[in-house]
């Protein structure tokens, strides 16, 4: 039987983040073999995950990573049961690693992601490590990966509960233009538009919105012709609220996002268009 010293326990804790008691027991069970003890802790994390399956994991963090040239970007949401775990550096680092792995490998699903490698470990190993460290349900809820011929800007709101990717049409933007595109990503985070421009909205959606506004006005006692004008006015408000290009810029209410895009184009010396955006908010359905 190997002599399990406090230094061995401390070393294992430093490598895994697991509790001192769990580390000592793992070393005892593995007869002092450090690698075997790490495997014991991983198996313990995997086994305990099944016991936590019915728990609610409503806290967590969102991480993102963008390639140096801004042509590829990834976002991932990782959930925990408590905010105490969500802000732990080990948990944050786990999410950041996942974002990098997704960026480099383009998995199709969480199951695919689990099979990928990071150094000498699989993502499943890393997940078991984090499960062994915390007595909580921890799950990779979703991720997205964006590839562009242009440029992708990312923005993560303070607290890492909200993240946005915005894709524009032109690569090789100067720094001033990149900052403006990041401001547009911040706009998406703050104002949550559903469309880039009104031409992206199908006619049926527009007709339904207008009909709802018109019916509400009629129910309030307005005559049909007045109700029609009210509905048209509310539809315009719908466009300015839900279409990114028509929204007032949160950093300068005297500008619209369309004006900001023009500034990006001026800085780039060529026309730049917003092609797409993706917004993750923690826990949303």
C-alpha atoms as a PDB file:
ATOM      1  CA  UNK A   1       0.000   0.000   0.000  1.00  0.00           C
ATOM      2  CA  UNK A   2       1.497   3.294  -1.073  1.00  0.00           C
ATOM      3  CA  UNK A   3       1.990   6.062   1.473  1.00  0.00           C
ATOM      4  CA  UNK A   4      -0.425   8.851   0.416  1.00  0.00           C
ATOM      5  CA  UNK A   5       1.197  12.138   1.436  1.00  0.00           C
ATOM      6  CA  UNK A   6      -0.480  15.570   1.732  1.00  0.00           C
ATOM      7  CA  UNK A   7       1.726  16.753  -1.146  1.00  0.00           C
ATOM      8  CA  UNK A   8       0.304  14.015  -3.392  1.00  0.00           C
ATOM      9  CA  UNK A   9      -3.228  15.001  -2.454  1.00  0.00           C
ATOM     10  CA  UNK A  10      -2.419  18.660  -3.100  1.00  0.00           C
ATOM     11  CA  UNK A  11      -0.896  17.812  -6.495  1.00  0.00           C
ATOM     12  CA  UNK A  12      -3.974  15.814  -7.546  1.00  0.00           C
ATOM     13  CA  UNK A  13      -6.259  18.606  -6.394  1.00  0.00           C
ATOM     14  CA  UNK A  14      -4.203  21.072  -8.435  1.00  0.00           C
ATOM     15  CA  UNK A  15      -4.568  18.885 -11.534  1.00  0.00           C
ATOM     16  CA  UNK A  16      -8.290  18.148 -11.184  1.00  0.00           C
ATOM     17  CA  UNK A  17      -9.869  20.758  -8.913  1.00  0.00           C
ATOM     18  CA  UNK A  18     -11.670  17.963  -7.027  1.00  0.00           C
ATOM     19  CA  UNK A  19     -12.156  18.143  -3.257  1.00  0.00           C
ATOM     20  CA  UNK A  20      -9.339  17.129  -0.910  1.00  0.00           C
ATOM     21  CA  UNK A  21     -11.311  14.161   0.430  1.00  0.00           C
ATOM     22  CA  UNK A  22     -12.119  12.893  -3.054  1.00  0.00           C
ATOM     23  CA  UNK A  23      -8.479  13.289  -4.100  1.00  0.00           C
ATOM     24  CA  UNK A  24      -7.180  11.343  -1.116  1.00  0.00           C
ATOM     25  CA  UNK A  25      -9.676   8.527  -1.684  1.00  0.00           C
ATOM     26  CA  UNK A  26      -8.815   8.376  -5.403  1.00  0.00           C
ATOM     27  CA  UNK A  27      -5.100   8.082  -4.560  1.00  0.00           C
ATOM     28  CA  UNK A  28      -5.810   5.351  -2.019  1.00  0.00           C
ATOM     29  CA  UNK A  29      -7.971   3.453  -4.534  1.00  0.00           C
ATOM     30  CA  UNK A  30      -5.244   3.752  -7.194  1.00  0.00           C
ATOM     31  CA  UNK A  31      -2.397   2.853  -4.799  1.00  0.00           C
ATOM     32  CA  UNK A  32      -0.777   6.271  -5.218  1.00  0.00           C
ATOM     33  CA  UNK A  33      -0.680   6.248  -9.026  1.00  0.00           C
ATOM     34  CA  UNK A  34      -1.421   9.821 -10.081  1.00  0.00           C
ATOM     35  CA  UNK A  35      -2.716   9.036 -13.592  1.00  0.00           C
ATOM     36  CA  UNK A  36      -4.922   6.258 -12.284  1.00  0.00           C
ATOM     37  CA  UNK A  37      -6.268   8.580  -9.589  1.00  0.00           C
ATOM     38  CA  UNK A  38      -7.211  11.138 -12.233  1.00  0.00           C
ATOM     39  CA  UNK A  39      -9.083   8.397 -14.100  1.00  0.00           C
ATOM     40  CA  UNK A  40     -10.866   7.407 -10.870  1.00  0.00           C
ATOM     41  CA  UNK A  41     -12.054  10.977 -10.410  1.00  0.00           C
ATOM     42  CA  UNK A  42     -13.220  11.173 -14.029  1.00  0.00           C
ATOM     43  CA  UNK A  43     -15.224   7.987 -13.638  1.00  0.00           C
ATOM     44  CA  UNK A  44     -16.695   9.361 -10.430  1.00  0.00           C
ATOM     45  CA  UNK A  45     -17.770  12.499 -12.336  1.00  0.00           C
ATOM     46  CA  UNK A  46     -19.357  10.462 -15.128  1.00  0.00           C
ATOM     47  CA  UNK A  47     -21.196   8.207 -12.682  1.00  0.00           C
ATOM     48  CA  UNK A  48     -22.527  11.104 -10.624  1.00  0.00           C
ATOM     49  CA  UNK A  49     -23.823  12.811 -13.776  1.00  0.00           C
ATOM     50  CA  UNK A  50     -26.588  10.214 -14.067  1.00  0.00           C
ATOM     51  CA  UNK A  51     -27.707  10.970 -10.514  1.00  0.00           C
ATOM     52  CA  UNK A  52     -27.969  14.677 -11.373  1.00  0.00           C
ATOM     53  CA  UNK A  53     -29.846  14.188 -14.654  1.00  0.00           C
ATOM     54  CA  UNK A  54     -33.217  15.282 -13.269  1.00  0.00           C
ATOM     55  CA  UNK A  55     -31.867  18.462 -11.687  1.00  0.00           C
ATOM     56  CA  UNK A  56     -32.443  21.877 -13.256  1.00  0.00           C
ATOM     57  CA  UNK A  57     -29.353  23.569 -14.696  1.00  0.00           C
ATOM     58  CA  UNK A  58     -30.555  27.142 -15.258  1.00  0.00           C
ATOM     59  CA  UNK A  59     -27.347  29.052 -14.588  1.00  0.00           C
ATOM     60  CA  UNK A  60     -24.114  28.939 -16.550  1.00  0.00           C
ATOM     61  CA  UNK A  61     -22.040  30.881 -19.026  1.00  0.00           C
ATOM     62  CA  UNK A  62     -21.705  31.584 -22.737  1.00  0.00           C
ATOM     63  CA  UNK A  63     -18.266  31.577 -24.342  1.00  0.00           C
ATOM     64  CA  UNK A  64     -17.215  32.597 -27.831  1.00  0.00           C
ATOM     65  CA  UNK A  65     -14.078  32.498 -29.905  1.00  0.00           C
ATOM     66  CA  UNK A  66     -13.224  34.038 -33.277  1.00  0.00           C
ATOM     67  CA  UNK A  67     -10.366  33.170 -35.637  1.00  0.00           C
ATOM     68  CA  UNK A  68      -7.614  35.753 -36.057  1.00  0.00           C
ATOM     69  CA  UNK A  69      -8.835  36.707 -39.528  1.00  0.00           C
ATOM     70  CA  UNK A  70     -12.451  37.022 -38.365  1.00  0.00           C
ATOM     71  CA  UNK A  71     -13.711  34.442 -40.844  1.00  0.00           C
ATOM     72  CA  UNK A  72     -14.770  31.744 -38.359  1.00  0.00           C
ATOM     73  CA  UNK A  73     -16.484  32.153 -35.002  1.00  0.00           C
ATOM     74  CA  UNK A  74     -18.102  29.878 -32.421  1.00  0.00           C
ATOM     75  CA  UNK A  75     -20.394  30.293 -29.418  1.00  0.00           C
ATOM     76  CA  UNK A  76     -21.306  27.727 -26.769  1.00  0.00           C
ATOM     77  CA  UNK A  77     -23.702  27.750 -23.817  1.00  0.00           C
ATOM     78  CA  UNK A  78     -22.747  25.615 -20.810  1.00  0.00           C
ATOM     79  CA  UNK A  79     -25.246  25.299 -17.971  1.00  0.00           C
ATOM     80  CA  UNK A  80     -24.791  24.737 -14.249  1.00  0.00           C
ATOM     81  CA  UNK A  81     -27.204  24.624 -11.325  1.00  0.00           C
ATOM     82  CA  UNK A  82     -25.863  27.671  -9.485  1.00  0.00           C
ATOM     83  CA  UNK A  83     -24.231  30.970 -10.314  1.00  0.00           C
ATOM     84  CA  UNK A  84     -21.531  30.085  -7.767  1.00  0.00           C
ATOM     85  CA  UNK A  85     -20.293  27.384 -10.164  1.00  0.00           C
ATOM     86  CA  UNK A  86     -20.979  29.499 -13.269  1.00  0.00           C
ATOM     87  CA  UNK A  87     -18.478  32.153 -12.163  1.00  0.00           C
ATOM     88  CA  UNK A  88     -15.832  29.680 -10.990  1.00  0.00           C
ATOM     89  CA  UNK A  89     -12.693  30.063 -13.100  1.00  0.00           C
ATOM     90  CA  UNK A  90     -12.477  26.332 -13.759  1.00  0.00           C
ATOM     91  CA  UNK A  91     -16.002  26.307 -15.172  1.00  0.00           C
ATOM     92  CA  UNK A  92     -15.323  29.452 -17.239  1.00  0.00           C
ATOM     93  CA  UNK A  93     -12.117  27.906 -18.596  1.00  0.00           C
ATOM     94  CA  UNK A  94     -14.027  24.735 -19.541  1.00  0.00           C
ATOM     95  CA  UNK A  95     -16.511  26.766 -21.581  1.00  0.00           C
ATOM     96  CA  UNK A  96     -13.682  28.722 -23.243  1.00  0.00           C
ATOM     97  CA  UNK A  97     -11.934  25.470 -24.218  1.00  0.00           C
ATOM     98  CA  UNK A  98     -15.176  24.209 -25.748  1.00  0.00           C
ATOM     99  CA  UNK A  99     -15.541  27.371 -27.840  1.00  0.00           C
ATOM    100  CA  UNK A 100     -12.022  26.860 -29.196  1.00  0.00           C
ATOM    101  CA  UNK A 101     -12.625  23.177 -29.942  1.00  0.00           C
ATOM    102  CA  UNK A 102     -15.855  23.986 -31.788  1.00  0.00           C
ATOM    103  CA  UNK A 103     -14.076  26.717 -33.746  1.00  0.00           C
ATOM    104  CA  UNK A 104     -11.347  24.322 -34.895  1.00  0.00           C
ATOM    105  CA  UNK A 105     -13.389  21.166 -35.503  1.00  0.00           C
ATOM    106  CA  UNK A 106     -16.951  22.022 -36.591  1.00  0.00           C
ATOM    107  CA  UNK A 107     -18.869  19.256 -34.745  1.00  0.00           C
ATOM    108  CA  UNK A 108     -22.472  18.598 -35.785  1.00  0.00           C
ATOM    109  CA  UNK A 109     -23.895  17.837 -32.350  1.00  0.00           C
ATOM    110  CA  UNK A 110     -23.041  17.712 -28.653  1.00  0.00           C
ATOM    111  CA  UNK A 111     -22.446  13.963 -29.038  1.00  0.00           C
ATOM    112  CA  UNK A 112     -19.926  14.675 -31.815  1.00  0.00           C
ATOM    113  CA  UNK A 113     -18.315  17.364 -29.684  1.00  0.00           C
ATOM    114  CA  UNK A 114     -17.845  14.931 -26.777  1.00  0.00           C
ATOM    115  CA  UNK A 115     -15.734  12.640 -28.976  1.00  0.00           C
ATOM    116  CA  UNK A 116     -13.294  15.350 -30.062  1.00  0.00           C
ATOM    117  CA  UNK A 117      -9.856  15.661 -28.503  1.00  0.00           C
ATOM    118  CA  UNK A 118      -8.135  18.440 -26.609  1.00  0.00           C
ATOM    119  CA  UNK A 119      -4.501  17.580 -26.060  1.00  0.00           C
ATOM    120  CA  UNK A 120      -4.433  14.038 -24.685  1.00  0.00           C
ATOM    121  CA  UNK A 121      -8.050  14.190 -23.513  1.00  0.00           C
ATOM    122  CA  UNK A 122     -11.440  13.941 -25.141  1.00  0.00           C
ATOM    123  CA  UNK A 123     -14.102  16.553 -24.480  1.00  0.00           C
ATOM    124  CA  UNK A 124     -15.933  13.834 -22.561  1.00  0.00           C
ATOM    125  CA  UNK A 125     -12.856  13.543 -20.294  1.00  0.00           C
ATOM    126  CA  UNK A 126     -12.884  17.308 -19.728  1.00  0.00           C
ATOM    127  CA  UNK A 127     -16.602  17.165 -18.964  1.00  0.00           C
ATOM    128  CA  UNK A 128     -16.073  14.352 -16.459  1.00  0.00           C
ATOM    129  CA  UNK A 129     -13.287  16.380 -14.849  1.00  0.00           C
ATOM    130  CA  UNK A 130     -15.610  19.331 -14.302  1.00  0.00           C
ATOM    131  CA  UNK A 131     -18.351  17.021 -13.026  1.00  0.00           C
ATOM    132  CA  UNK A 132     -15.920  15.552 -10.510  1.00  0.00           C
ATOM    133  CA  UNK A 133     -14.956  19.023  -9.337  1.00  0.00           C
ATOM    134  CA  UNK A 134     -18.510  20.248  -8.672  1.00  0.00           C
ATOM    135  CA  UNK A 135     -21.472  18.386  -7.176  1.00  0.00           C
ATOM    136  CA  UNK A 136     -23.847  19.850  -9.765  1.00  0.00           C
ATOM    137  CA  UNK A 137     -25.455  19.004 -13.056  1.00  0.00           C
ATOM    138  CA  UNK A 138     -23.286  20.579 -15.765  1.00  0.00           C
ATOM    139  CA  UNK A 139     -24.335  20.272 -19.380  1.00  0.00           C
ATOM    140  CA  UNK A 140     -23.332  21.589 -22.782  1.00  0.00           C
ATOM    141  CA  UNK A 141     -26.689  22.947 -23.893  1.00  0.00           C
ATOM    142  CA  UNK A 142     -26.007  24.266 -27.401  1.00  0.00           C
ATOM    143  CA  UNK A 143     -23.410  25.762 -29.691  1.00  0.00           C
ATOM    144  CA  UNK A 144     -23.182  27.489 -33.035  1.00  0.00           C
ATOM    145  CA  UNK A 145     -20.367  27.981 -35.534  1.00  0.00           C
ATOM    146  CA  UNK A 146     -20.326  30.672 -38.222  1.00  0.00           C
ATOM    147  CA  UNK A 147     -18.081  30.707 -41.306  1.00  0.00           C
ATOM    148  CA  UNK A 148     -17.825  33.749 -43.580  1.00  0.00           C
ATOM    149  CA  UNK A 149     -16.056  35.025 -46.648  1.00  0.00           C
ATOM    150  CA  UNK A 150     -16.326  38.432 -44.995  1.00  0.00           C
ATOM    151  CA  UNK A 151     -15.771  39.300 -41.329  1.00  0.00           C
ATOM    152  CA  UNK A 152     -17.411  38.166 -38.074  1.00  0.00           C
ATOM    153  CA  UNK A 153     -17.479  40.289 -34.922  1.00  0.00           C
ATOM    154  CA  UNK A 154     -18.344  38.891 -31.504  1.00  0.00           C
ATOM    155  CA  UNK A 155     -19.670  40.550 -28.392  1.00  0.00           C
ATOM    156  CA  UNK A 156     -20.187  39.067 -24.929  1.00  0.00           C
ATOM    157  CA  UNK A 157     -22.151  41.118 -22.434  1.00  0.00           C
ATOM    158  CA  UNK A 158     -20.787  41.554 -18.907  1.00  0.00           C
ATOM    159  CA  UNK A 159     -21.500  38.429 -16.900  1.00  0.00           C
ATOM    160  CA  UNK A 160     -21.239  36.161 -19.956  1.00  0.00           C
ATOM    161  CA  UNK A 161     -24.982  35.428 -20.038  1.00  0.00           C
ATOM    162  CA  UNK A 162     -25.535  36.999 -23.456  1.00  0.00           C
ATOM    163  CA  UNK A 163     -23.424  36.751 -26.615  1.00  0.00           C
ATOM    164  CA  UNK A 164     -23.746  37.810 -30.250  1.00  0.00           C
ATOM    165  CA  UNK A 165     -22.003  37.109 -33.548  1.00  0.00           C
ATOM    166  CA  UNK A 166     -22.471  39.509 -36.482  1.00  0.00           C
ATOM    167  CA  UNK A 167     -21.309  38.700 -40.008  1.00  0.00           C
ATOM    168  CA  UNK A 168     -20.569  41.413 -42.573  1.00  0.00           C
ATOM    169  CA  UNK A 169     -19.711  41.056 -46.241  1.00  0.00           C
ATOM    170  CA  UNK A 170     -16.172  42.401 -46.439  1.00  0.00           C
ATOM    171  CA  UNK A 171     -12.962  40.894 -45.008  1.00  0.00           C
ATOM    172  CA  UNK A 172      -9.820  42.777 -44.082  1.00  0.00           C
ATOM    173  CA  UNK A 173     -11.598  45.643 -42.340  1.00  0.00           C
ATOM    174  CA  UNK A 174      -9.512  48.392 -40.715  1.00  0.00           C
ATOM    175  CA  UNK A 175      -9.619  48.565 -36.919  1.00  0.00           C
ATOM    176  CA  UNK A 176     -12.047  51.492 -36.939  1.00  0.00           C
ATOM    177  CA  UNK A 177     -14.534  49.490 -39.023  1.00  0.00           C
ATOM    178  CA  UNK A 178     -14.094  46.389 -36.851  1.00  0.00           C
ATOM    179  CA  UNK A 179     -14.969  48.420 -33.763  1.00  0.00           C
ATOM    180  CA  UNK A 180     -18.134  49.646 -35.450  1.00  0.00           C
ATOM    181  CA  UNK A 181     -19.143  46.098 -36.380  1.00  0.00           C
ATOM    182  CA  UNK A 182     -18.614  45.117 -32.750  1.00  0.00           C
ATOM    183  CA  UNK A 183     -20.880  48.031 -31.805  1.00  0.00           C
ATOM    184  CA  UNK A 184     -23.511  46.527 -34.104  1.00  0.00           C
ATOM    185  CA  UNK A 185     -23.100  43.203 -32.286  1.00  0.00           C
ATOM    186  CA  UNK A 186     -23.643  45.094 -29.028  1.00  0.00           C
ATOM    187  CA  UNK A 187     -26.800  46.578 -30.575  1.00  0.00           C
ATOM    188  CA  UNK A 188     -28.120  43.079 -31.315  1.00  0.00           C
ATOM    189  CA  UNK A 189     -27.400  42.089 -27.717  1.00  0.00           C
ATOM    190  CA  UNK A 190     -29.241  45.111 -26.323  1.00  0.00           C
ATOM    191  CA  UNK A 191     -32.215  45.373 -28.694  1.00  0.00           C
ATOM    192  CA  UNK A 192     -32.731  41.781 -29.873  1.00  0.00           C
ATOM    193  CA  UNK A 193     -33.888  42.449 -33.473  1.00  0.00           C
ATOM    194  CA  UNK A 194     -35.516  39.565 -35.314  1.00  0.00           C
ATOM    195  CA  UNK A 195     -34.538  40.616 -38.862  1.00  0.00           C
ATOM    196  CA  UNK A 196     -31.780  42.529 -40.631  1.00  0.00           C
ATOM    197  CA  UNK A 197     -34.132  44.552 -42.842  1.00  0.00           C
ATOM    198  CA  UNK A 198     -37.825  44.648 -43.644  1.00  0.00           C
ATOM    199  CA  UNK A 199     -37.338  42.847 -46.953  1.00  0.00           C
ATOM    200  CA  UNK A 200     -36.343  39.779 -44.886  1.00  0.00           C
ATOM    201  CA  UNK A 201     -39.865  39.560 -43.433  1.00  0.00           C
ATOM    202  CA  UNK A 202     -42.284  37.419 -45.420  1.00  0.00           C
ATOM    203  CA  UNK A 203     -45.530  39.005 -46.591  1.00  0.00           C
ATOM    204  CA  UNK A 204     -47.714  36.704 -44.483  1.00  0.00           C
ATOM    205  CA  UNK A 205     -45.992  37.842 -41.286  1.00  0.00           C
ATOM    206  CA  UNK A 206     -46.454  41.492 -42.245  1.00  0.00           C
ATOM    207  CA  UNK A 207     -50.111  40.944 -43.147  1.00  0.00           C
ATOM    208  CA  UNK A 208     -50.789  39.162 -39.849  1.00  0.00           C
ATOM    209  CA  UNK A 209     -49.116  41.909 -37.821  1.00  0.00           C
ATOM    210  CA  UNK A 210     -51.129  44.605 -39.582  1.00  0.00           C
ATOM    211  CA  UNK A 211     -54.374  42.671 -39.168  1.00  0.00           C
ATOM    212  CA  UNK A 212     -53.768  42.320 -35.433  1.00  0.00           C
ATOM    213  CA  UNK A 213     -53.131  46.064 -35.068  1.00  0.00           C
ATOM    214  CA  UNK A 214     -56.217  46.874 -37.126  1.00  0.00           C
ATOM    215  CA  UNK A 215     -58.468  44.533 -35.150  1.00  0.00           C
ATOM    216  CA  UNK A 216     -57.265  45.959 -31.833  1.00  0.00           C
ATOM    217  CA  UNK A 217     -58.115  49.475 -33.054  1.00  0.00           C
ATOM    218  CA  UNK A 218     -61.587  48.365 -34.221  1.00  0.00           C
ATOM    219  CA  UNK A 219     -62.193  46.631 -30.879  1.00  0.00           C
ATOM    220  CA  UNK A 220     -61.369  49.960 -29.228  1.00  0.00           C
ATOM    221  CA  UNK A 221     -64.156  51.575 -31.241  1.00  0.00           C
ATOM    222  CA  UNK A 222     -62.193  53.095 -34.114  1.00  0.00           C
ATOM    223  CA  UNK A 223     -63.772  53.305 -37.564  1.00  0.00           C
ATOM    224  CA  UNK A 224     -62.277  50.984 -40.216  1.00  0.00           C
ATOM    225  CA  UNK A 225     -60.488  53.773 -42.109  1.00  0.00           C
ATOM    226  CA  UNK A 226     -59.002  55.162 -38.880  1.00  0.00           C
ATOM    227  CA  UNK A 227     -58.093  51.634 -37.769  1.00  0.00           C
ATOM    228  CA  UNK A 228     -56.290  51.136 -41.084  1.00  0.00           C
ATOM    229  CA  UNK A 229     -54.145  54.244 -40.525  1.00  0.00           C
ATOM    230  CA  UNK A 230     -53.409  53.235 -36.933  1.00  0.00           C
ATOM    231  CA  UNK A 231     -52.378  49.757 -38.102  1.00  0.00           C
ATOM    232  CA  UNK A 232     -50.068  51.220 -40.751  1.00  0.00           C
ATOM    233  CA  UNK A 233     -48.415  53.426 -38.143  1.00  0.00           C
ATOM    234  CA  UNK A 234     -47.922  50.535 -35.735  1.00  0.00           C
ATOM    235  CA  UNK A 235     -46.515  48.414 -38.538  1.00  0.00           C
ATOM    236  CA  UNK A 236     -43.861  51.070 -39.164  1.00  0.00           C
ATOM    237  CA  UNK A 237     -43.021  50.964 -35.465  1.00  0.00           C
ATOM    238  CA  UNK A 238     -42.755  47.172 -35.729  1.00  0.00           C
ATOM    239  CA  UNK A 239     -40.186  47.591 -38.518  1.00  0.00           C
ATOM    240  CA  UNK A 240     -38.108  50.104 -36.537  1.00  0.00           C
ATOM    241  CA  UNK A 241     -38.129  47.829 -33.486  1.00  0.00           C
ATOM    242  CA  UNK A 242     -37.565  44.449 -35.149  1.00  0.00           C
ATOM    243  CA  UNK A 243     -35.344  45.291 -38.154  1.00  0.00           C
ATOM    244  CA  UNK A 244     -31.713  45.846 -37.166  1.00  0.00           C
ATOM    245  CA  UNK A 245     -30.933  48.404 -39.887  1.00  0.00           C
ATOM    246  CA  UNK A 246     -33.874  50.558 -38.843  1.00  0.00           C
ATOM    247  CA  UNK A 247     -33.202  50.536 -35.107  1.00  0.00           C
ATOM    248  CA  UNK A 248     -31.886  53.637 -33.386  1.00  0.00           C
ATOM    249  CA  UNK A 249     -28.228  53.141 -32.461  1.00  0.00           C
ATOM    250  CA  UNK A 250     -27.988  52.504 -28.710  1.00  0.00           C
ATOM    251  CA  UNK A 251     -24.721  54.465 -28.464  1.00  0.00           C
ATOM    252  CA  UNK A 252     -26.103  57.473 -30.353  1.00  0.00           C
ATOM    253  CA  UNK A 253     -29.863  57.823 -30.711  1.00  0.00           C
ATOM    254  CA  UNK A 254     -29.431  60.352 -33.527  1.00  0.00           C
ATOM    255  CA  UNK A 255     -28.169  57.558 -35.779  1.00  0.00           C
ATOM    256  CA  UNK A 256     -29.756  54.398 -37.112  1.00  0.00           C
ATOM    257  CA  UNK A 257     -27.828  51.164 -37.586  1.00  0.00           C
ATOM    258  CA  UNK A 258     -28.082  51.842 -41.323  1.00  0.00           C
ATOM    259  CA  UNK A 259     -26.024  54.995 -40.655  1.00  0.00           C
ATOM    260  CA  UNK A 260     -23.478  52.963 -38.709  1.00  0.00           C
ATOM    261  CA  UNK A 261     -23.178  50.469 -41.582  1.00  0.00           C
ATOM    262  CA  UNK A 262     -22.487  53.416 -43.916  1.00  0.00           C
ATOM    263  CA  UNK A 263     -19.675  54.501 -41.584  1.00  0.00           C
ATOM    264  CA  UNK A 264     -18.264  50.975 -41.752  1.00  0.00           C
ATOM    265  CA  UNK A 265     -18.394  51.154 -45.550  1.00  0.00           C
ATOM    266  CA  UNK A 266     -16.686  54.555 -45.570  1.00  0.00           C
ATOM    267  CA  UNK A 267     -13.905  53.271 -43.294  1.00  0.00           C
ATOM    268  CA  UNK A 268     -13.493  50.138 -45.438  1.00  0.00           C
ATOM    269  CA  UNK A 269     -13.493  52.089 -48.710  1.00  0.00           C
ATOM    270  CA  UNK A 270     -16.145  49.775 -50.143  1.00  0.00           C
ATOM    271  CA  UNK A 271     -19.787  48.839 -49.563  1.00  0.00           C
ATOM    272  CA  UNK A 272     -20.265  46.604 -46.524  1.00  0.00           C
ATOM    273  CA  UNK A 273     -23.501  44.754 -45.759  1.00  0.00           C
ATOM    274  CA  UNK A 274     -24.719  42.892 -42.692  1.00  0.00           C
ATOM    275  CA  UNK A 275     -25.225  39.301 -43.838  1.00  0.00           C
ATOM    276  CA  UNK A 276     -26.372  37.554 -40.653  1.00  0.00           C
ATOM    277  CA  UNK A 277     -26.314  37.572 -36.884  1.00  0.00           C
ATOM    278  CA  UNK A 278     -26.720  35.034 -34.090  1.00  0.00           C
ATOM    279  CA  UNK A 279     -27.706  35.821 -30.493  1.00  0.00           C
ATOM    280  CA  UNK A 280     -27.441  33.476 -27.496  1.00  0.00           C
ATOM    281  CA  UNK A 281     -29.151  34.430 -24.247  1.00  0.00           C
ATOM    282  CA  UNK A 282     -28.612  32.081 -21.324  1.00  0.00           C
ATOM    283  CA  UNK A 283     -31.507  29.695 -20.786  1.00  0.00           C
ATOM    284  CA  UNK A 284     -33.738  30.952 -23.590  1.00  0.00           C
ATOM    285  CA  UNK A 285     -35.933  28.382 -25.306  1.00  0.00           C
END
